[in-house]
Amino acid sequence: MLKFDIGNSIFYSGDIYETNIDIVNFLKNENLVYHDTCMDDLEDNVHTSLRKLCELVPREYRNQVYCIHIDGDNFIEEASKQGFNMVNVK
């Protein structure tokens, strides 16, 4: 987690299946989350599935969450439908 004196704090998930912060309260404080997310929905996965992330994050806070591990043919489309952002890599 990066905390700043002024502005938003940022949580970067890295390789985790279970999010290890109180993500809803973190987002309520207008902070940002960069979260490894994938389409595969397996418990032994190293990344959080899109389904699991949808369960964790209420729709009103999803615009503050950026998916950073993008896999699968339709991941961007599905995550966008759910209200999440994608990191733009150039």
Protein backbone atom coordinates (compact mmCIF):
# COMPACT_ATOMS: atom_id res chain seq x y z
CA MET A 1 0.00 0.00 0.00
CA LEU A 2 1.25 3.47 -0.89
CA LYS A 3 0.04 6.27 1.37
CA PHE A 4 0.43 9.92 0.47
CA ASP A 5 0.21 13.06 2.60
CA ILE A 6 -1.98 14.68 -0.05
CA GLY A 7 -4.31 12.82 -2.40
CA ASN A 8 -5.33 9.23 -2.77
CA SER A 9 -3.62 6.21 -1.29
CA ILE A 10 -3.09 3.24 -3.60
CA PHE A 11 -3.36 -0.47 -2.92
CA TYR A 12 -1.53 -2.78 -5.33
CA SER A 13 -2.59 -6.40 -4.91
CA GLY A 14 0.26 -8.31 -6.48
CA ASP A 15 -0.22 -12.07 -6.74
CA ILE A 16 -3.03 -12.84 -4.31
CA TYR A 17 -6.25 -14.83 -4.49
CA GLU A 18 -7.76 -13.35 -1.32
CA THR A 19 -7.66 -9.57 -0.98
CA ASN A 20 -5.89 -8.84 2.29
CA ILE A 21 -7.30 -5.40 3.10
CA ASP A 22 -10.75 -4.09 4.00
CA ILE A 23 -11.26 -3.08 0.41
CA VAL A 24 -14.69 -1.47 0.82
CA ASN A 25 -13.57 0.90 3.58
CA PHE A 26 -10.40 1.65 1.64
CA LEU A 27 -12.47 2.62 -1.42
CA LYS A 28 -14.97 4.61 0.66
CA ASN A 29 -12.07 6.94 1.48
CA GLU A 30 -11.70 7.66 -2.26
CA ASN A 31 -8.53 5.60 -2.59
CA LEU A 32 -7.51 3.57 -5.64
CA VAL A 33 -6.91 -0.17 -6.06
CA TYR A 34 -4.74 -1.84 -8.70
CA HIS A 35 -5.70 -5.49 -8.55
CA ASP A 36 -4.39 -8.61 -10.27
CA THR A 37 -7.55 -10.11 -11.72
CA CYS A 38 -8.18 -13.01 -14.06
CA MET A 39 -11.06 -14.87 -15.70
CA ASP A 40 -10.04 -18.27 -14.29
CA ASP A 41 -12.11 -18.93 -11.18
CA LEU A 42 -10.01 -21.49 -9.33
CA GLU A 43 -9.35 -21.44 -5.59
CA ASP A 44 -5.66 -22.25 -6.04
CA ASN A 45 -5.19 -19.38 -8.50
CA VAL A 46 -2.50 -16.79 -7.82
CA HIS A 47 -4.82 -13.99 -8.96
CA THR A 48 -8.30 -12.99 -7.86
CA SER A 49 -11.02 -14.01 -10.30
CA LEU A 50 -13.32 -11.40 -11.79
CA ARG A 51 -16.23 -13.19 -10.11
CA LYS A 52 -14.54 -12.92 -6.69
CA LEU A 53 -13.67 -9.24 -7.26
CA CYS A 54 -17.33 -8.55 -8.12
CA GLU A 55 -18.34 -10.13 -4.80
CA LEU A 56 -15.82 -8.01 -2.89
CA VAL A 57 -16.40 -4.60 -4.48
CA PRO A 58 -19.86 -2.97 -4.62
CA ARG A 59 -20.66 -1.48 -8.01
CA GLU A 60 -20.50 2.12 -6.73
CA TYR A 61 -16.77 1.72 -5.96
CA ARG A 62 -15.68 -0.29 -8.99
CA ASN A 63 -14.62 2.80 -10.97
CA GLN A 64 -11.79 3.16 -8.41
CA VAL A 65 -10.48 -0.35 -9.16
CA TYR A 66 -8.01 -0.98 -12.00
CA CYS A 67 -7.53 -4.55 -13.20
CA ILE A 68 -3.87 -5.19 -13.94
CA HIS A 69 -3.59 -8.87 -14.83
CA ILE A 70 -5.64 -9.14 -17.97
CA ASP A 71 -6.14 -12.64 -19.35
CA GLY A 72 -8.67 -14.34 -21.58
CA ASP A 73 -10.17 -13.24 -24.85
CA ASN A 74 -13.06 -11.27 -23.38
CA PHE A 75 -11.63 -10.14 -20.02
CA ILE A 76 -11.61 -6.41 -20.83
CA GLU A 77 -15.19 -6.54 -22.11
CA GLU A 78 -16.47 -8.49 -19.09
CA ALA A 79 -14.60 -6.42 -16.50
CA SER A 80 -15.77 -3.19 -18.13
CA LYS A 81 -19.39 -4.42 -18.06
CA GLN A 82 -18.97 -4.93 -14.32
CA GLY A 83 -17.75 -1.34 -13.89
CA PHE A 84 -14.01 -1.92 -13.42
CA ASN A 85 -11.20 -0.04 -15.16
CA MET A 86 -8.26 -1.55 -17.00
CA VAL A 87 -4.71 -0.27 -16.83
CA ASN A 88 -3.71 1.19 -20.19
CA VAL A 89 -0.32 -0.21 -21.17
CA LYS A 90 1.45 1.53 -24.02
